[in-house]
Protein backbone atom coordinates (compact mmCIF):
# COMPACT_ATOMS: atom_id res chain seq x y z
CA MET A 1 -97.48 94.62 32.80
CA ILE A 2 -100.82 93.64 34.12
CA GLU A 3 -103.80 96.70 34.71
CA GLU A 4 -106.63 96.51 36.28
CA ALA A 5 -108.41 96.50 33.31
CA VAL A 6 -112.16 95.80 32.15
CA ASP A 7 -111.87 92.40 30.43
CA THR A 8 -114.60 91.78 27.64
CA ASN A 9 -117.11 89.88 29.79
CA GLY A 10 -117.11 93.36 32.07
CA VAL A 11 -114.92 91.48 35.05
CA LEU A 12 -111.50 92.95 35.87
CA LYS A 13 -108.89 90.85 35.51
CA ILE A 14 -107.77 91.19 38.96
CA ASN A 15 -111.11 89.03 39.18
CA SER A 16 -109.76 86.72 36.83
CA SER A 17 -110.07 83.13 38.16
CA GLN A 18 -106.40 82.72 37.15
CA ASN A 19 -105.29 84.83 40.44
CA GLY A 20 -105.95 81.34 42.23
CA MET A 21 -107.13 82.24 45.61
CA LEU A 22 -111.38 83.70 44.79
CA HIS A 23 -112.61 80.86 46.70
CA LEU A 24 -113.56 82.06 50.09
CA SER A 25 -114.32 85.49 50.30
CA ASP A 26 -112.03 86.72 53.13
CA ILE A 27 -109.10 85.12 51.12
CA HIS A 28 -110.45 87.58 48.08
CA HIS A 29 -111.26 90.61 50.63
CA MET A 30 -107.64 90.03 51.50
CA PHE A 31 -105.46 89.69 48.12
CA ASP A 32 -108.19 93.01 47.13
CA GLN A 33 -106.60 94.61 50.66
CA TYR A 34 -102.73 93.11 49.63
CA THR A 35 -102.51 91.47 52.82
CA ILE A 36 -102.22 88.24 51.22
CA LEU A 37 -100.14 87.51 48.55
CA ALA A 38 -98.42 84.56 46.66
CA ASN A 39 -94.57 85.05 45.57
CA ALA A 40 -94.15 83.21 42.19
CA ASP A 41 -90.65 83.92 42.33
CA ASP A 42 -90.17 82.69 46.15
CA SER A 43 -92.28 78.89 44.93
CA TYR A 44 -95.55 80.76 45.01
CA LYS A 45 -95.57 80.53 49.21
CA VAL A 46 -98.42 82.28 50.39
CA VAL A 47 -97.01 86.13 52.38
CA ASP A 48 -100.11 86.69 54.21
CA PHE A 49 -99.01 90.23 56.63
CA ASP A 50 -102.42 90.19 58.61
CA GLU A 51 -103.19 88.62 61.99
CA ASP A 52 -102.64 84.62 59.74
CA TYR A 53 -105.73 83.88 61.43
CA LEU A 54 -106.64 81.06 58.62
CA ARG A 55 -102.51 80.43 59.26
CA LEU A 56 -101.93 80.77 55.16
CA ASP A 57 -98.13 82.67 55.73
CA GLY A 58 -96.05 80.19 53.94
CA ARG A 59 -98.19 77.69 52.64
CA VAL A 60 -98.03 76.91 49.33
CA LEU A 61 -100.22 77.28 46.12
CA ASP A 62 -101.47 73.62 44.95
CA PRO A 63 -99.40 72.26 42.03
CA VAL A 64 -103.37 72.24 40.23
CA CYS A 65 -102.84 76.10 39.96
CA ARG A 66 -99.52 76.29 38.40
CA ASP A 67 -100.10 73.63 36.00
CA PRO A 68 -98.49 75.49 32.89
CA HIS A 69 -100.43 72.77 30.78
CA ASN A 70 -103.77 74.02 32.21
CA VAL A 71 -104.99 76.79 30.78
CA HIS A 72 -106.74 78.14 34.06
CA ARG A 73 -103.45 78.06 35.96
CA VAL A 74 -102.48 81.07 37.91
CA SER A 75 -100.84 84.08 36.03
CA ASP A 76 -97.09 84.77 37.44
CA GLU A 77 -97.73 88.05 35.84
CA LEU A 78 -100.61 88.69 37.38
CA LEU A 79 -99.22 87.36 40.68
CA ARG A 80 -95.88 89.37 40.27
CA TRP A 81 -97.98 92.78 39.45
CA HIS A 82 -99.99 91.83 42.61
CA TYR A 83 -96.81 91.25 44.55
CA SER A 84 -95.36 95.27 42.99
CA LYS A 85 -98.36 96.68 44.42
CA MET A 86 -98.12 95.76 48.14
CA TYR A 87 -94.95 97.23 48.27
CA ILE A 88 -96.66 100.67 47.60
CA VAL A 89 -99.80 100.45 49.86
CA TYR A 90 -97.18 99.63 52.66
């Protein structure tokens, strides 16, 4: 399980580039608030529990984010951890 521990550079692991959702500040905020998630166990579909004004609900993360040979890929473990936290929040 991934905890919100600080890495050696003083950065929270949840804020790693591997969560794949840090491109826009509003998406980052939504990710932090658990209103937008990516389900690693359902073809990496995005789930938006908010108003979906960006029309992200149901879309799939880009294949480059999921490339198992890319060290900067989205961490499946982190996505699963993040998804599980949504049930605690809501």
